[in-house]
Amino acid sequence: MTDSARVDVWLWSVRVFPTRSAAKEACVAGRVRIDGEIAKPATKVVPGMRISTRRGPRVVEVEVVKVIRKRVGAAVAAECLVDHSPPPPEPLAAADVRDRGTGRPTKRDRREIERLKGRR
């Protein structure tokens, strides 16, 4: 354990990003913030900092508990952070799922499905 590490290395080490290059690209693109400030890849992290990033539509917010520089197992990585992420949004009900055996949708059914999906 060390007292500080680069933010891109730490995010990769605790499995927030699958690769270090993906963590670095997120930092360069401005999607990683430390305590509300945009972080460069070489920004040092220390215990107590809050890091937030976007991974697709999901916002990931974590607090640094322990600083590590090498990728470790998932159980050990979970001990190095506290996850403050909001829960993922619930998926919308699928409008195009039909009961089994009801056959092909009629023109009226198809129009209703399109309206529910927001295509019309």
PDB file of N, CA and C in Angstrom:
ATOM      1  N   MET A   1       0.851  -1.184   0.000  1.00  0.00           N
ATOM      2  CA  MET A   1       0.000   0.000   0.000  1.00  0.00           C
ATOM      3  C   MET A   1       0.895   1.245   0.000  1.00  0.00           C
ATOM      4  N   THR A   2       0.528   2.237  -0.801  1.00  0.00           N
ATOM      5  CA  THR A   2       1.280   3.478  -0.870  1.00  0.00           C
ATOM      6  C   THR A   2       0.387   4.633  -0.451  1.00  0.00           C
ATOM      7  N   ASP A   3       0.976   5.809  -0.315  1.00  0.00           N
ATOM      8  CA  ASP A   3       0.197   6.948   0.167  1.00  0.00           C
ATOM      9  C   ASP A   3      -0.517   7.710  -0.946  1.00  0.00           C
ATOM     10  N   SER A   4      -0.079   7.580  -2.216  1.00  0.00           N
ATOM     11  CA  SER A   4      -0.784   8.220  -3.320  1.00  0.00           C
ATOM     12  C   SER A   4      -0.539   7.442  -4.605  1.00  0.00           C
ATOM     13  N   ALA A   5      -1.437   7.634  -5.573  1.00  0.00           N
ATOM     14  CA  ALA A   5      -1.312   6.968  -6.871  1.00  0.00           C
ATOM     15  C   ALA A   5      -1.996   7.841  -7.913  1.00  0.00           C
ATOM     16  N   ARG A   6      -1.659   7.615  -9.172  1.00  0.00           N
ATOM     17  CA  ARG A   6      -2.324   8.327 -10.268  1.00  0.00           C
ATOM     18  C   ARG A   6      -3.791   7.907 -10.317  1.00  0.00           C
ATOM     19  N   VAL A   7      -4.650   8.845 -10.681  1.00  0.00           N
ATOM     20  CA  VAL A   7      -6.075   8.548 -10.699  1.00  0.00           C
ATOM     21  C   VAL A   7      -6.406   7.498 -11.760  1.00  0.00           C
ATOM     22  N   ASP A   8      -5.770   7.545 -12.924  1.00  0.00           N
ATOM     23  CA  ASP A   8      -6.084   6.545 -13.949  1.00  0.00           C
ATOM     24  C   ASP A   8      -5.654   5.141 -13.508  1.00  0.00           C
ATOM     25  N   VAL A   9      -4.519   5.037 -12.839  1.00  0.00           N
ATOM     26  CA  VAL A   9      -4.049   3.741 -12.339  1.00  0.00           C
ATOM     27  C   VAL A   9      -4.974   3.239 -11.237  1.00  0.00           C
ATOM     28  N   TRP A  10      -5.387   4.120 -10.347  1.00  0.00           N
ATOM     29  CA  TRP A  10      -6.240   3.702  -9.232  1.00  0.00           C
ATOM     30  C   TRP A  10      -7.604   3.234  -9.743  1.00  0.00           C
ATOM     31  N   LEU A  11      -8.199   3.982 -10.694  1.00  0.00           N
ATOM     32  CA  LEU A  11      -9.505   3.588 -11.230  1.00  0.00           C
ATOM     33  C   LEU A  11      -9.434   2.232 -11.918  1.00  0.00           C
ATOM     34  N   TRP A  12      -8.318   1.963 -12.594  1.00  0.00           N
ATOM     35  CA  TRP A  12      -8.136   0.660 -13.222  1.00  0.00           C
ATOM     36  C   TRP A  12      -7.904  -0.414 -12.157  1.00  0.00           C
ATOM     37  N   SER A  13      -7.133  -0.089 -11.141  1.00  0.00           N
ATOM     38  CA  SER A  13      -6.793  -1.068 -10.106  1.00  0.00           C
ATOM     39  C   SER A  13      -8.015  -1.539  -9.326  1.00  0.00           C
ATOM     40  N   VAL A  14      -8.960  -0.640  -9.074  1.00  0.00           N
ATOM     41  CA  VAL A  14     -10.143  -1.022  -8.297  1.00  0.00           C
ATOM     42  C   VAL A  14     -11.312  -1.432  -9.191  1.00  0.00           C
ATOM     43  N   ARG A  15     -11.028  -1.611 -10.479  1.00  0.00           N
ATOM     44  CA  ARG A  15     -11.979  -2.172 -11.440  1.00  0.00           C
ATOM     45  C   ARG A  15     -13.149  -1.263 -11.786  1.00  0.00           C
ATOM     46  N   VAL A  16     -12.943   0.039 -11.733  1.00  0.00           N
ATOM     47  CA  VAL A  16     -13.976   0.954 -12.225  1.00  0.00           C
ATOM     48  C   VAL A  16     -13.936   0.950 -13.759  1.00  0.00           C
ATOM     49  N   PHE A  17     -12.726   0.835 -14.324  1.00  0.00           N
ATOM     50  CA  PHE A  17     -12.539   0.736 -15.767  1.00  0.00           C
ATOM     51  C   PHE A  17     -11.856  -0.588 -16.082  1.00  0.00           C
ATOM     52  N   PRO A  18     -12.182  -1.187 -17.237  1.00  0.00           N
ATOM     53  CA  PRO A  18     -11.588  -2.487 -17.572  1.00  0.00           C
ATOM     54  C   PRO A  18     -10.112  -2.420 -17.957  1.00  0.00           C
ATOM     55  N   THR A  19      -9.654  -1.276 -18.473  1.00  0.00           N
ATOM     56  CA  THR A  19      -8.248  -1.137 -18.848  1.00  0.00           C
ATOM     57  C   THR A  19      -7.736   0.212 -18.365  1.00  0.00           C
ATOM     58  N   ARG A  20      -6.410   0.299 -18.229  1.00  0.00           N
ATOM     59  CA  ARG A  20      -5.833   1.568 -17.810  1.00  0.00           C
ATOM     60  C   ARG A  20      -5.996   2.614 -18.907  1.00  0.00           C
ATOM     61  N   SER A  21      -5.901   2.191 -20.163  1.00  0.00           N
ATOM     62  CA  SER A  21      -6.068   3.151 -21.255  1.00  0.00           C
ATOM     63  C   SER A  21      -7.489   3.710 -21.290  1.00  0.00           C
ATOM     64  N   ALA A  22      -8.490   2.905 -20.926  1.00  0.00           N
ATOM     65  CA  ALA A  22      -9.865   3.409 -20.865  1.00  0.00           C
ATOM     66  C   ALA A  22     -10.002   4.437 -19.744  1.00  0.00           C
ATOM     67  N   ALA A  23      -9.337   4.198 -18.620  1.00  0.00           N
ATOM     68  CA  ALA A  23      -9.359   5.153 -17.507  1.00  0.00           C
ATOM     69  C   ALA A  23      -8.669   6.451 -17.918  1.00  0.00           C
ATOM     70  N   LYS A  24      -7.541   6.329 -18.623  1.00  0.00           N
ATOM     71  CA  LYS A  24      -6.813   7.511 -19.077  1.00  0.00           C
ATOM     72  C   LYS A  24      -7.644   8.311 -20.068  1.00  0.00           C
ATOM     73  N   GLU A  25      -8.295   7.631 -21.016  1.00  0.00           N
ATOM     74  CA  GLU A  25      -9.126   8.321 -22.005  1.00  0.00           C
ATOM     75  C   GLU A  25     -10.284   9.057 -21.338  1.00  0.00           C
ATOM     76  N   ALA A  26     -10.869   8.462 -20.308  1.00  0.00           N
ATOM     77  CA  ALA A  26     -11.958   9.124 -19.587  1.00  0.00           C
ATOM     78  C   ALA A  26     -11.447  10.383 -18.898  1.00  0.00           C
ATOM     79  N   CYS A  27     -10.242  10.331 -18.352  1.00  0.00           N
ATOM     80  CA  CYS A  27      -9.655  11.508 -17.708  1.00  0.00           C
ATOM     81  C   CYS A  27      -9.378  12.598 -18.742  1.00  0.00           C
ATOM     82  N   VAL A  28      -8.799  12.223 -19.863  1.00  0.00           N
ATOM     83  CA  VAL A  28      -8.474  13.192 -20.909  1.00  0.00           C
ATOM     84  C   VAL A  28      -9.745  13.832 -21.469  1.00  0.00           C
ATOM     85  N   ALA A  29     -10.819  13.051 -21.565  1.00  0.00           N
ATOM     86  CA  ALA A  29     -12.086  13.562 -22.092  1.00  0.00           C
ATOM     87  C   ALA A  29     -12.842  14.415 -21.076  1.00  0.00           C
ATOM     88  N   GLY A  30     -12.361  14.482 -19.836  1.00  0.00           N
ATOM     89  CA  GLY A  30     -13.016  15.304 -18.822  1.00  0.00           C
ATOM     90  C   GLY A  30     -14.175  14.625 -18.130  1.00  0.00           C
ATOM     91  N   ARG A  31     -14.261  13.293 -18.198  1.00  0.00           N
ATOM     92  CA  ARG A  31     -15.365  12.564 -17.564  1.00  0.00           C
ATOM     93  C   ARG A  31     -15.042  12.113 -16.150  1.00  0.00           C
ATOM     94  N   VAL A  32     -13.842  12.409 -15.667  1.00  0.00           N
ATOM     95  CA  VAL A  32     -13.456  12.023 -14.301  1.00  0.00           C
ATOM     96  C   VAL A  32     -13.278  13.291 -13.480  1.00  0.00           C
ATOM     97  N   ARG A  33     -13.934  13.326 -12.325  1.00  0.00           N
ATOM     98  CA  ARG A  33     -13.832  14.478 -11.428  1.00  0.00           C
ATOM     99  C   ARG A  33     -13.410  14.003 -10.050  1.00  0.00           C
ATOM    100  N   ILE A  34     -12.507  14.770  -9.446  1.00  0.00           N
ATOM    101  CA  ILE A  34     -12.083  14.494  -8.073  1.00  0.00           C
ATOM    102  C   ILE A  34     -12.547  15.670  -7.224  1.00  0.00           C
ATOM    103  N   ASP A  35     -13.398  15.389  -6.263  1.00  0.00           N
ATOM    104  CA  ASP A  35     -13.979  16.414  -5.391  1.00  0.00           C
ATOM    105  C   ASP A  35     -14.559  17.568  -6.217  1.00  0.00           C
ATOM    106  N   GLY A  36     -15.198  17.244  -7.330  1.00  0.00           N
ATOM    107  CA  GLY A  36     -15.864  18.241  -8.160  1.00  0.00           C
ATOM    108  C   GLY A  36     -15.007  18.898  -9.218  1.00  0.00           C
ATOM    109  N   GLU A  37     -13.712  18.682  -9.200  1.00  0.00           N
ATOM    110  CA  GLU A  37     -12.798  19.289 -10.170  1.00  0.00           C
ATOM    111  C   GLU A  37     -12.395  18.257 -11.222  1.00  0.00           C
ATOM    112  N   ILE A  38     -12.302  18.676 -12.471  1.00  0.00           N
ATOM    113  CA  ILE A  38     -11.885  17.781 -13.542  1.00  0.00           C
ATOM    114  C   ILE A  38     -10.454  17.314 -13.270  1.00  0.00           C
ATOM    115  N   ALA A  39     -10.222  16.018 -13.437  1.00  0.00           N
ATOM    116  CA  ALA A  39      -8.924  15.427 -13.109  1.00  0.00           C
ATOM    117  C   ALA A  39      -8.177  15.009 -14.366  1.00  0.00           C
ATOM    118  N   LYS A  40      -6.891  15.296 -14.396  1.00  0.00           N
ATOM    119  CA  LYS A  40      -6.014  14.800 -15.449  1.00  0.00           C
ATOM    120  C   LYS A  40      -5.580  13.391 -15.056  1.00  0.00           C
ATOM    121  N   PRO A  41      -5.081  12.591 -16.001  1.00  0.00           N
ATOM    122  CA  PRO A  41      -4.693  11.214 -15.665  1.00  0.00           C
ATOM    123  C   PRO A  41      -3.625  11.114 -14.580  1.00  0.00           C
ATOM    124  N   ALA A  42      -2.734  12.087 -14.492  1.00  0.00           N
ATOM    125  CA  ALA A  42      -1.640  12.016 -13.513  1.00  0.00           C
ATOM    126  C   ALA A  42      -2.001  12.622 -12.166  1.00  0.00           C
ATOM    127  N   THR A  43      -3.223  13.076 -11.976  1.00  0.00           N
ATOM    128  CA  THR A  43      -3.637  13.632 -10.697  1.00  0.00           C
ATOM    129  C   THR A  43      -3.510  12.561  -9.612  1.00  0.00           C
ATOM    130  N   LYS A  44      -2.922  12.927  -8.498  1.00  0.00           N
ATOM    131  CA  LYS A  44      -2.711  11.979  -7.398  1.00  0.00           C
ATOM    132  C   LYS A  44      -3.971  11.846  -6.557  1.00  0.00           C
ATOM    133  N   VAL A  45      -4.256  10.621  -6.148  1.00  0.00           N
ATOM    134  CA  VAL A  45      -5.391  10.373  -5.249  1.00  0.00           C
ATOM    135  C   VAL A  45      -4.851   9.930  -3.902  1.00  0.00           C
ATOM    136  N   VAL A  46      -5.546  10.349  -2.855  1.00  0.00           N
ATOM    137  CA  VAL A  46      -5.216   9.957  -1.494  1.00  0.00           C
ATOM    138  C   VAL A  46      -6.512   9.530  -0.805  1.00  0.00           C
ATOM    139  N   PRO A  47      -6.439   8.787   0.264  1.00  0.00           N
ATOM    140  CA  PRO A  47      -7.658   8.365   0.959  1.00  0.00           C
ATOM    141  C   PRO A  47      -8.519   9.564   1.364  1.00  0.00           C
ATOM    142  N   GLY A  48      -9.815   9.395   1.211  1.00  0.00           N
ATOM    143  CA  GLY A  48     -10.770  10.437   1.569  1.00  0.00           C
ATOM    144  C   GLY A  48     -11.295  11.215   0.370  1.00  0.00           C
ATOM    145  N   MET A  49     -10.644  11.120  -0.773  1.00  0.00           N
ATOM    146  CA  MET A  49     -11.109  11.831  -1.970  1.00  0.00           C
ATOM    147  C   MET A  49     -12.341  11.145  -2.543  1.00  0.00           C
ATOM    148  N   ARG A  50     -13.221  11.949  -3.165  1.00  0.00           N
ATOM    149  CA  ARG A  50     -14.397  11.417  -3.848  1.00  0.00           C
ATOM    150  C   ARG A  50     -14.192  11.580  -5.338  1.00  0.00           C
ATOM    151  N   ILE A  51     -14.326  10.490  -6.062  1.00  0.00           N
ATOM    152  CA  ILE A  51     -14.122  10.469  -7.501  1.00  0.00           C
ATOM    153  C   ILE A  51     -15.448  10.126  -8.165  1.00  0.00           C
ATOM    154  N   SER A  52     -15.816  10.907  -9.172  1.00  0.00           N
ATOM    155  CA  SER A  52     -17.032  10.606  -9.932  1.00  0.00           C
ATOM    156  C   SER A  52     -16.676  10.540 -11.413  1.00  0.00           C
ATOM    157  N   THR A  53     -17.319   9.628 -12.100  1.00  0.00           N
ATOM    158  CA  THR A  53     -17.096   9.452 -13.527  1.00  0.00           C
ATOM    159  C   THR A  53     -18.370   8.941 -14.180  1.00  0.00           C
ATOM    160  N   ARG A  54     -18.432   9.092 -15.483  1.00  0.00           N
ATOM    161  CA  ARG A  54     -19.564   8.590 -16.253  1.00  0.00           C
ATOM    162  C   ARG A  54     -19.095   7.384 -17.044  1.00  0.00           C
ATOM    163  N   ARG A  55     -19.852   6.317 -16.967  1.00  0.00           N
ATOM    164  CA  ARG A  55     -19.602   5.123 -17.773  1.00  0.00           C
ATOM    165  C   ARG A  55     -20.862   4.872 -18.563  1.00  0.00           C
ATOM    166  N   GLY A  56     -20.922   5.458 -19.757  1.00  0.00           N
ATOM    167  CA  GLY A  56     -22.131   5.379 -20.563  1.00  0.00           C
ATOM    168  C   GLY A  56     -23.193   6.257 -19.913  1.00  0.00           C
ATOM    169  N   PRO A  57     -24.401   5.755 -19.747  1.00  0.00           N
ATOM    170  CA  PRO A  57     -25.440   6.564 -19.109  1.00  0.00           C
ATOM    171  C   PRO A  57     -25.356   6.579 -17.586  1.00  0.00           C
ATOM    172  N   ARG A  58     -24.509   5.735 -17.012  1.00  0.00           N
ATOM    173  CA  ARG A  58     -24.439   5.582 -15.556  1.00  0.00           C
ATOM    174  C   ARG A  58     -23.366   6.464 -14.940  1.00  0.00           C
ATOM    175  N   VAL A  59     -23.687   7.069 -13.811  1.00  0.00           N
ATOM    176  CA  VAL A  59     -22.721   7.857 -13.046  1.00  0.00           C
ATOM    177  C   VAL A  59     -22.174   6.982 -11.931  1.00  0.00           C
ATOM    178  N   VAL A  60     -20.843   6.922 -11.834  1.00  0.00           N
ATOM    179  CA  VAL A  60     -20.183   6.133 -10.788  1.00  0.00           C
ATOM    180  C   VAL A  60     -19.490   7.111  -9.850  1.00  0.00           C
ATOM    181  N   GLU A  61     -19.849   7.061  -8.571  1.00  0.00           N
ATOM    182  CA  GLU A  61     -19.237   7.915  -7.556  1.00  0.00           C
ATOM    183  C   GLU A  61     -18.647   7.020  -6.473  1.00  0.00           C
ATOM    184  N   VAL A  62     -17.332   7.170  -6.247  1.00  0.00           N
ATOM    185  CA  VAL A  62     -16.650   6.349  -5.247  1.00  0.00           C
ATOM    186  C   VAL A  62     -15.798   7.228  -4.352  1.00  0.00           C
ATOM    187  N   GLU A  63     -15.566   6.732  -3.152  1.00  0.00           N
ATOM    188  CA  GLU A  63     -14.681   7.403  -2.199  1.00  0.00           C
ATOM    189  C   GLU A  63     -13.465   6.510  -1.988  1.00  0.00           C
ATOM    190  N   VAL A  64     -12.289   7.110  -2.027  1.00  0.00           N
ATOM    191  CA  VAL A  64     -11.044   6.364  -1.874  1.00  0.00           C
ATOM    192  C   VAL A  64     -10.850   6.015  -0.400  1.00  0.00           C
ATOM    193  N   VAL A  65     -10.700   4.734  -0.110  1.00  0.00           N
ATOM    194  CA  VAL A  65     -10.430   4.278   1.246  1.00  0.00           C
ATOM    195  C   VAL A  65      -8.968   3.868   1.376  1.00  0.00           C
ATOM    196  N   LYS A  66      -8.495   3.134   0.371  1.00  0.00           N
ATOM    197  CA  LYS A  66      -7.120   2.652   0.365  1.00  0.00           C
ATOM    198  C   LYS A  66      -6.546   2.876  -1.023  1.00  0.00           C
ATOM    199  N   VAL A  67      -5.306   3.327  -1.093  1.00  0.00           N
ATOM    200  CA  VAL A  67      -4.648   3.580  -2.373  1.00  0.00           C
ATOM    201  C   VAL A  67      -3.846   2.354  -2.779  1.00  0.00           C
ATOM    202  N   ILE A  68      -4.099   1.870  -3.995  1.00  0.00           N
ATOM    203  CA  ILE A  68      -3.331   0.761  -4.545  1.00  0.00           C
ATOM    204  C   ILE A  68      -2.889   1.134  -5.951  1.00  0.00           C
ATOM    205  N   ARG A  69      -1.812   0.502  -6.407  1.00  0.00           N
ATOM    206  CA  ARG A  69      -1.277   0.797  -7.735  1.00  0.00           C
ATOM    207  C   ARG A  69      -1.345  -0.393  -8.675  1.00  0.00           C
ATOM    208  N   LYS A  70      -1.596  -1.564  -8.154  1.00  0.00           N
ATOM    209  CA  LYS A  70      -1.644  -2.766  -8.986  1.00  0.00           C
ATOM    210  C   LYS A  70      -3.057  -3.329  -8.966  1.00  0.00           C
ATOM    211  N   ARG A  71      -3.441  -3.935 -10.071  1.00  0.00           N
ATOM    212  CA  ARG A  71      -4.767  -4.544 -10.161  1.00  0.00           C
ATOM    213  C   ARG A  71      -4.805  -5.758  -9.241  1.00  0.00           C
ATOM    214  N   VAL A  72      -5.869  -5.823  -8.467  1.00  0.00           N
ATOM    215  CA  VAL A  72      -6.013  -6.893  -7.482  1.00  0.00           C
ATOM    216  C   VAL A  72      -7.339  -7.601  -7.709  1.00  0.00           C
ATOM    217  N   GLY A  73      -7.589  -8.633  -6.946  1.00  0.00           N
ATOM    218  CA  GLY A  73      -8.840  -9.361  -7.051  1.00  0.00           C
ATOM    219  C   GLY A  73     -10.037  -8.488  -6.679  1.00  0.00           C
ATOM    220  N   ALA A  74     -11.206  -8.908  -7.109  1.00  0.00           N
ATOM    221  CA  ALA A  74     -12.415  -8.120  -6.886  1.00  0.00           C
ATOM    222  C   ALA A  74     -12.715  -7.923  -5.404  1.00  0.00           C
ATOM    223  N   ALA A  75     -12.470  -8.929  -4.591  1.00  0.00           N
ATOM    224  CA  ALA A  75     -12.742  -8.817  -3.151  1.00  0.00           C
ATOM    225  C   ALA A  75     -11.824  -7.784  -2.511  1.00  0.00           C
ATOM    226  N   VAL A  76     -10.564  -7.768  -2.883  1.00  0.00           N
ATOM    227  CA  VAL A  76      -9.620  -6.798  -2.334  1.00  0.00           C
ATOM    228  C   VAL A  76      -9.928  -5.402  -2.868  1.00  0.00           C
ATOM    229  N   ALA A  77     -10.292  -5.316  -4.151  1.00  0.00           N
ATOM    230  CA  ALA A  77     -10.618  -4.016  -4.757  1.00  0.00           C
ATOM    231  C   ALA A  77     -11.832  -3.386  -4.078  1.00  0.00           C
ATOM    232  N   ALA A  78     -12.793  -4.199  -3.680  1.00  0.00           N
ATOM    233  CA  ALA A  78     -13.988  -3.675  -3.018  1.00  0.00           C
ATOM    234  C   ALA A  78     -13.659  -3.043  -1.673  1.00  0.00           C
ATOM    235  N   GLU A  79     -12.585  -3.476  -1.033  1.00  0.00           N
ATOM    236  CA  GLU A  79     -12.179  -2.903   0.250  1.00  0.00           C
ATOM    237  C   GLU A  79     -11.490  -1.548   0.090  1.00  0.00           C
ATOM    238  N   CYS A  80     -11.076  -1.219  -1.113  1.00  0.00           N
ATOM    239  CA  CYS A  80     -10.316   0.011  -1.361  1.00  0.00           C
ATOM    240  C   CYS A  80     -11.199   1.204  -1.671  1.00  0.00           C
ATOM    241  N   LEU A  81     -12.506   1.008  -1.779  1.00  0.00           N
ATOM    242  CA  LEU A  81     -13.398   2.105  -2.105  1.00  0.00           C
ATOM    243  C   LEU A  81     -14.745   1.937  -1.428  1.00  0.00           C
ATOM    244  N   VAL A  82     -15.459   3.060  -1.324  1.00  0.00           N
ATOM    245  CA  VAL A  82     -16.839   3.051  -0.852  1.00  0.00           C
ATOM    246  C   VAL A  82     -17.672   3.598  -2.001  1.00  0.00           C
ATOM    247  N   ASP A  83     -18.632   2.816  -2.455  1.00  0.00           N
ATOM    248  CA  ASP A  83     -19.436   3.199  -3.612  1.00  0.00           C
ATOM    249  C   ASP A  83     -20.610   4.068  -3.175  1.00  0.00           C
ATOM    250  N   HIS A  84     -20.658   5.297  -3.695  1.00  0.00           N
ATOM    251  CA  HIS A  84     -21.759   6.222  -3.404  1.00  0.00           C
ATOM    252  C   HIS A  84     -22.607   6.457  -4.653  1.00  0.00           C
ATOM    253  N   SER A  85     -22.531   5.561  -5.627  1.00  0.00           N
ATOM    254  CA  SER A  85     -23.235   5.726  -6.892  1.00  0.00           C
ATOM    255  C   SER A  85     -24.745   5.652  -6.691  1.00  0.00           C
ATOM    256  N   PRO A  86     -25.496   6.481  -7.431  1.00  0.00           N
ATOM    257  CA  PRO A  86     -26.951   6.346  -7.376  1.00  0.00           C
ATOM    258  C   PRO A  86     -27.357   5.019  -8.006  1.00  0.00           C
ATOM    259  N   PRO A  87     -28.487   4.468  -7.587  1.00  0.00           N
ATOM    260  CA  PRO A  87     -28.903   3.184  -8.162  1.00  0.00           C
ATOM    261  C   PRO A  87     -29.166   3.338  -9.662  1.00  0.00           C
ATOM    262  N   PRO A  88     -28.911   2.287 -10.434  1.00  0.00           N
ATOM    263  CA  PRO A  88     -29.156   2.392 -11.878  1.00  0.00           C
ATOM    264  C   PRO A  88     -30.642   2.555 -12.146  1.00  0.00           C
ATOM    265  N   PRO A  89     -30.992   3.271 -13.209  1.00  0.00           N
ATOM    266  CA  PRO A  89     -32.414   3.457 -13.510  1.00  0.00           C
ATOM    267  C   PRO A  89     -33.064   2.136 -13.876  1.00  0.00           C
ATOM    268  N   GLU A  90     -34.328   2.000 -13.498  1.00  0.00           N
ATOM    269  CA  GLU A  90     -35.038   0.770 -13.822  1.00  0.00           C
ATOM    270  C   GLU A  90     -35.349   0.771 -15.307  1.00  0.00           C
ATOM    271  N   PRO A  91     -35.201  -0.378 -15.954  1.00  0.00           N
ATOM    272  CA  PRO A  91     -35.494  -0.426 -17.391  1.00  0.00           C
ATOM    273  C   PRO A  91     -36.986  -0.221 -17.635  1.00  0.00           C
ATOM    274  N   LEU A  92     -37.273   0.428 -18.749  1.00  0.00           N
ATOM    275  CA  LEU A  92     -38.666   0.645 -19.117  1.00  0.00           C
ATOM    276  C   LEU A  92     -39.301  -0.679 -19.519  1.00  0.00           C
ATOM    277  N   ALA A  93     -40.589  -0.778 -19.311  1.00  0.00           N
ATOM    278  CA  ALA A  93     -41.298  -1.986 -19.701  1.00  0.00           C
ATOM    279  C   ALA A  93     -41.233  -2.119 -21.218  1.00  0.00           C
ATOM    280  N   ALA A  94     -40.928  -3.292 -21.662  1.00  0.00           N
ATOM    281  CA  ALA A  94     -40.800  -3.519 -23.100  1.00  0.00           C
ATOM    282  C   ALA A  94     -42.185  -3.528 -23.730  1.00  0.00           C
ATOM    283  N   ALA A  95     -42.426  -2.585 -24.637  1.00  0.00           N
ATOM    284  CA  ALA A  95     -43.731  -2.471 -25.280  1.00  0.00           C
ATOM    285  C   ALA A  95     -43.905  -3.514 -26.371  1.00  0.00           C
ATOM    286  N   ASP A  96     -42.811  -4.029 -26.904  1.00  0.00           N
ATOM    287  CA  ASP A  96     -42.925  -4.961 -28.008  1.00  0.00           C
ATOM    288  C   ASP A  96     -42.941  -6.428 -27.572  1.00  0.00           C
ATOM    289  N   VAL A  97     -42.980  -6.691 -26.279  1.00  0.00           N
ATOM    290  CA  VAL A  97     -43.059  -8.058 -25.799  1.00  0.00           C
ATOM    291  C   VAL A  97     -44.521  -8.479 -25.811  1.00  0.00           C
ATOM    292  N   ARG A  98     -44.762  -9.538 -26.513  1.00  0.00           N
ATOM    293  CA  ARG A  98     -46.140 -10.026 -26.630  1.00  0.00           C
ATOM    294  C   ARG A  98     -46.254 -11.376 -25.941  1.00  0.00           C
ATOM    295  N   ASP A  99     -47.447 -11.677 -25.490  1.00  0.00           N
ATOM    296  CA  ASP A  99     -47.692 -12.975 -24.866  1.00  0.00           C
ATOM    297  C   ASP A  99     -47.507 -14.080 -25.887  1.00  0.00           C
ATOM    298  N   ARG A 100     -46.996 -15.166 -25.420  1.00  0.00           N
ATOM    299  CA  ARG A 100     -46.755 -16.299 -26.296  1.00  0.00           C
ATOM    300  C   ARG A 100     -48.076 -16.865 -26.803  1.00  0.00           C
ATOM    301  N   GLY A 101     -48.135 -17.132 -28.082  1.00  0.00           N
ATOM    302  CA  GLY A 101     -49.334 -17.727 -28.663  1.00  0.00           C
ATOM    303  C   GLY A 101     -50.372 -16.730 -29.134  1.00  0.00           C
ATOM    304  N   THR A 102     -50.109 -15.432 -29.013  1.00  0.00           N
ATOM    305  CA  THR A 102     -51.098 -14.443 -29.459  1.00  0.00           C
ATOM    306  C   THR A 102     -51.007 -14.169 -30.948  1.00  0.00           C
ATOM    307  N   GLY A 103     -49.978 -14.690 -31.586  1.00  0.00           N
ATOM    308  CA  GLY A 103     -49.864 -14.534 -33.033  1.00  0.00           C
ATOM    309  C   GLY A 103     -49.232 -13.216 -33.429  1.00  0.00           C
ATOM    310  N   ARG A 104     -49.291 -12.952 -34.700  1.00  0.00           N
ATOM    311  CA  ARG A 104     -48.680 -11.768 -35.269  1.00  0.00           C
ATOM    312  C   ARG A 104     -49.494 -10.524 -34.890  1.00  0.00           C
ATOM    313  N   PRO A 105     -48.824  -9.389 -34.593  1.00  0.00           N
ATOM    314  CA  PRO A 105     -49.589  -8.193 -34.222  1.00  0.00           C
ATOM    315  C   PRO A 105     -50.387  -7.642 -35.406  1.00  0.00           C
ATOM    316  N   THR A 106     -51.557  -7.149 -35.097  1.00  0.00           N
ATOM    317  CA  THR A 106     -52.375  -6.519 -36.140  1.00  0.00           C
ATOM    318  C   THR A 106     -51.815  -5.134 -36.428  1.00  0.00           C
ATOM    319  N   LYS A 107     -52.364  -4.502 -37.445  1.00  0.00           N
ATOM    320  CA  LYS A 107     -51.908  -3.162 -37.799  1.00  0.00           C
ATOM    321  C   LYS A 107     -52.149  -2.208 -36.624  1.00  0.00           C
ATOM    322  N   ARG A 108     -53.270  -2.379 -35.953  1.00  0.00           N
ATOM    323  CA  ARG A 108     -53.594  -1.536 -34.793  1.00  0.00           C
ATOM    324  C   ARG A 108     -52.594  -1.783 -33.662  1.00  0.00           C
ATOM    325  N   ASP A 109     -52.286  -3.061 -33.395  1.00  0.00           N
ATOM    326  CA  ASP A 109     -51.303  -3.396 -32.360  1.00  0.00           C
ATOM    327  C   ASP A 109     -49.940  -2.789 -32.687  1.00  0.00           C
ATOM    328  N   ARG A 110     -49.521  -2.913 -33.946  1.00  0.00           N
ATOM    329  CA  ARG A 110     -48.222  -2.384 -34.352  1.00  0.00           C
ATOM    330  C   ARG A 110     -48.163  -0.884 -34.154  1.00  0.00           C
ATOM    331  N   ARG A 111     -49.209  -0.173 -34.502  1.00  0.00           N
ATOM    332  CA  ARG A 111     -49.245   1.279 -34.313  1.00  0.00           C
ATOM    333  C   ARG A 111     -49.190   1.649 -32.836  1.00  0.00           C
ATOM    334  N   GLU A 112     -49.853   0.866 -32.000  1.00  0.00           N
ATOM    335  CA  GLU A 112     -49.822   1.110 -30.560  1.00  0.00           C
ATOM    336  C   GLU A 112     -48.409   0.888 -30.011  1.00  0.00           C
ATOM    337  N   ILE A 113     -47.741  -0.157 -30.489  1.00  0.00           N
ATOM    338  CA  ILE A 113     -46.365  -0.421 -30.070  1.00  0.00           C
ATOM    339  C   ILE A 113     -45.455   0.722 -30.483  1.00  0.00           C
ATOM    340  N   GLU A 114     -45.583   1.194 -31.718  1.00  0.00           N
ATOM    341  CA  GLU A 114     -44.771   2.306 -32.206  1.00  0.00           C
ATOM    342  C   GLU A 114     -45.022   3.575 -31.385  1.00  0.00           C
ATOM    343  N   ARG A 115     -46.276   3.813 -31.021  1.00  0.00           N
ATOM    344  CA  ARG A 115     -46.605   5.000 -30.216  1.00  0.00           C
ATOM    345  C   ARG A 115     -45.974   4.906 -28.842  1.00  0.00           C
ATOM    346  N   LEU A 116     -46.009   3.731 -28.222  1.00  0.00           N
ATOM    347  CA  LEU A 116     -45.427   3.552 -26.893  1.00  0.00           C
ATOM    348  C   LEU A 116     -43.903   3.680 -26.917  1.00  0.00           C
ATOM    349  N   LYS A 117     -43.272   3.277 -28.011  1.00  0.00           N
ATOM    350  CA  LYS A 117     -41.831   3.393 -28.138  1.00  0.00           C
ATOM    351  C   LYS A 117     -41.393   4.820 -28.452  1.00  0.00           C
ATOM    352  N   GLY A 118     -42.339   5.658 -28.816  1.00  0.00           N
ATOM    353  CA  GLY A 118     -42.011   7.049 -29.083  1.00  0.00           C
ATOM    354  C   GLY A 118     -41.529   7.301 -30.507  1.00  0.00           C
ATOM    355  N   ARG A 119     -41.841   6.392 -31.393  1.00  0.00           N
ATOM    356  CA  ARG A 119     -41.395   6.558 -32.771  1.00  0.00           C
ATOM    357  C   ARG A 119     -42.401   7.346 -33.616  1.00  0.00           C
ATOM    358  N   ARG A 120     -43.565   7.593 -33.071  1.00  0.00           N
ATOM    359  CA  ARG A 120     -44.558   8.383 -33.801  1.00  0.00           C
ATOM    360  C   ARG A 120     -45.066   9.473 -32.933  1.00  0.00           C
TER     361      ARG A 120
END
